C-alpha atoms as a PDB file:
ATOM      1  CA  MET A   1      65.570  45.774 -29.813  1.00  0.00           C
ATOM      2  CA  TYR A   2      68.809  47.634 -29.130  1.00  0.00           C
ATOM      3  CA  ARG A   3      69.664  51.301 -29.546  1.00  0.00           C
ATOM      4  CA  TYR A   4      73.172  52.323 -30.529  1.00  0.00           C
ATOM      5  CA  VAL A   5      74.436  55.884 -30.712  1.00  0.00           C
ATOM      6  CA  MET A   6      77.672  56.257 -32.630  1.00  0.00           C
ATOM      7  CA  LYS A   7      79.961  58.819 -34.153  1.00  0.00           C
ATOM      8  CA  ILE A   8      81.188  57.756 -37.560  1.00  0.00           C
ATOM      9  CA  GLU A   9      84.403  58.811 -39.252  1.00  0.00           C
ATOM     10  CA  GLY A  10      83.653  59.759 -42.834  1.00  0.00           C
ATOM     11  CA  LEU A  11      80.263  61.325 -42.125  1.00  0.00           C
ATOM     12  CA  ASN A  12      81.214  64.552 -43.857  1.00  0.00           C
ATOM     13  CA  SER A  13      78.365  65.444 -46.187  1.00  0.00           C
ATOM     14  CA  ARG A  14      74.660  65.076 -46.787  1.00  0.00           C
ATOM     15  CA  GLU A  15      75.530  62.444 -49.381  1.00  0.00           C
ATOM     16  CA  ASP A  16      77.132  60.373 -46.605  1.00  0.00           C
ATOM     17  CA  VAL A  17      73.907  60.700 -44.596  1.00  0.00           C
ATOM     18  CA  PHE A  18      71.877  59.272 -47.480  1.00  0.00           C
ATOM     19  CA  THR A  19      74.423  56.510 -48.091  1.00  0.00           C
ATOM     20  CA  ILE A  20      74.521  55.386 -44.447  1.00  0.00           C
ATOM     21  CA  ARG A  21      70.743  55.521 -44.175  1.00  0.00           C
ATOM     22  CA  LYS A  22      70.412  53.421 -47.357  1.00  0.00           C
ATOM     23  CA  LEU A  23      72.982  50.897 -46.118  1.00  0.00           C
ATOM     24  CA  LEU A  24      71.420  50.361 -42.700  1.00  0.00           C
ATOM     25  CA  ASN A  25      67.670  51.030 -42.950  1.00  0.00           C
ATOM     26  CA  SER A  26      65.571  47.908 -43.059  1.00  0.00           C
ATOM     27  CA  GLU A  27      61.801  47.933 -42.885  1.00  0.00           C
ATOM     28  CA  GLU A  28      61.725  44.954 -40.546  1.00  0.00           C
ATOM     29  CA  THR A  29      64.792  45.120 -38.319  1.00  0.00           C
ATOM     30  CA  THR A  30      66.527  48.499 -38.314  1.00  0.00           C
ATOM     31  CA  VAL A  31      65.638  52.190 -38.150  1.00  0.00           C
ATOM     32  CA  VAL A  32      68.402  54.776 -38.602  1.00  0.00           C
ATOM     33  CA  ASN A  33      68.312  58.424 -37.538  1.00  0.00           C
ATOM     34  CA  ILE A  34      71.246  60.667 -38.392  1.00  0.00           C
ATOM     35  CA  SER A  35      72.108  64.055 -36.940  1.00  0.00           C
ATOM     36  CA  PHE A  36      74.529  65.498 -39.477  1.00  0.00           C
ATOM     37  CA  ASN A  37      75.248  68.582 -37.336  1.00  0.00           C
ATOM     38  CA  LYS A  38      76.293  66.436 -34.361  1.00  0.00           C
ATOM     39  CA  GLY A  39      77.867  63.763 -36.540  1.00  0.00           C
ATOM     40  CA  GLU A  40      75.827  61.129 -34.709  1.00  0.00           C
ATOM     41  CA  VAL A  41      73.995  58.093 -35.971  1.00  0.00           C
ATOM     42  CA  THR A  42      71.275  56.480 -33.835  1.00  0.00           C
ATOM     43  CA  ILE A  43      70.299  52.954 -34.775  1.00  0.00           C
ATOM     44  CA  ASP A  44      67.340  51.017 -33.349  1.00  0.00           C
ATOM     45  CA  THR A  45      67.847  47.420 -34.404  1.00  0.00           C
ATOM     46  CA  ASP A  46      67.510  43.721 -33.749  1.00  0.00           C
ATOM     47  CA  ASP A  47      70.578  43.157 -35.926  1.00  0.00           C
ATOM     48  CA  LEU A  48      73.937  42.195 -34.409  1.00  0.00           C
ATOM     49  CA  LEU A  49      76.448  44.976 -33.840  1.00  0.00           C
ATOM     50  CA  GLU A  50      79.034  42.941 -35.752  1.00  0.00           C
ATOM     51  CA  ASN A  51      76.807  43.047 -38.846  1.00  0.00           C
ATOM     52  CA  ILE A  52      76.360  46.813 -38.569  1.00  0.00           C
ATOM     53  CA  CYS A  53      80.118  47.322 -38.215  1.00  0.00           C
ATOM     54  CA  PHE A  54      80.778  45.021 -41.184  1.00  0.00           C
ATOM     55  CA  ILE A  55      78.333  46.948 -43.389  1.00  0.00           C
ATOM     56  CA  LEU A  56      79.731  50.352 -42.419  1.00  0.00           C
ATOM     57  CA  GLU A  57      83.382  49.327 -42.725  1.00  0.00           C
ATOM     58  CA  GLY A  58      82.697  47.699 -46.083  1.00  0.00           C
ATOM     59  CA  ALA A  59      81.399  51.055 -47.321  1.00  0.00           C
ATOM     60  CA  GLY A  60      84.435  52.934 -45.967  1.00  0.00           C
ATOM     61  CA  TYR A  61      82.996  54.306 -42.717  1.00  0.00           C
ATOM     62  CA  LEU A  62      84.630  53.738 -39.321  1.00  0.00           C
ATOM     63  CA  ILE A  63      82.941  53.943 -35.928  1.00  0.00           C
ATOM     64  CA  GLU A  64      84.819  56.411 -33.704  1.00  0.00           C
ATOM     65  CA  GLU A  65      82.576  56.202 -30.618  1.00  0.00           C
ATOM     66  CA  LEU A  66      79.835  53.767 -29.702  1.00  0.00           C
ATOM     67  CA  GLU A  67      77.283  53.771 -26.907  1.00  0.00           C
ATOM     68  CA  MET A  68      74.560  51.209 -26.333  1.00  0.00           C
ATOM     69  CA  ILE A  69      71.450  52.620 -24.703  1.00  0.00           C
END
């Protein structure tokens, strides 16, 4: 399992938090935690980073910073 911490352009409202969580949460492979105040998204996943980027970009969100922990 990998942990990614990212700042996402377009994370501007609580509605965005719910949308991103809905897009990325998966009971089996991915858990998403979002700190709206910091503008950070933490993802624990077995999924490929390319898939996560594809999902976010398809919904209109861009990753500004990315760190793998």
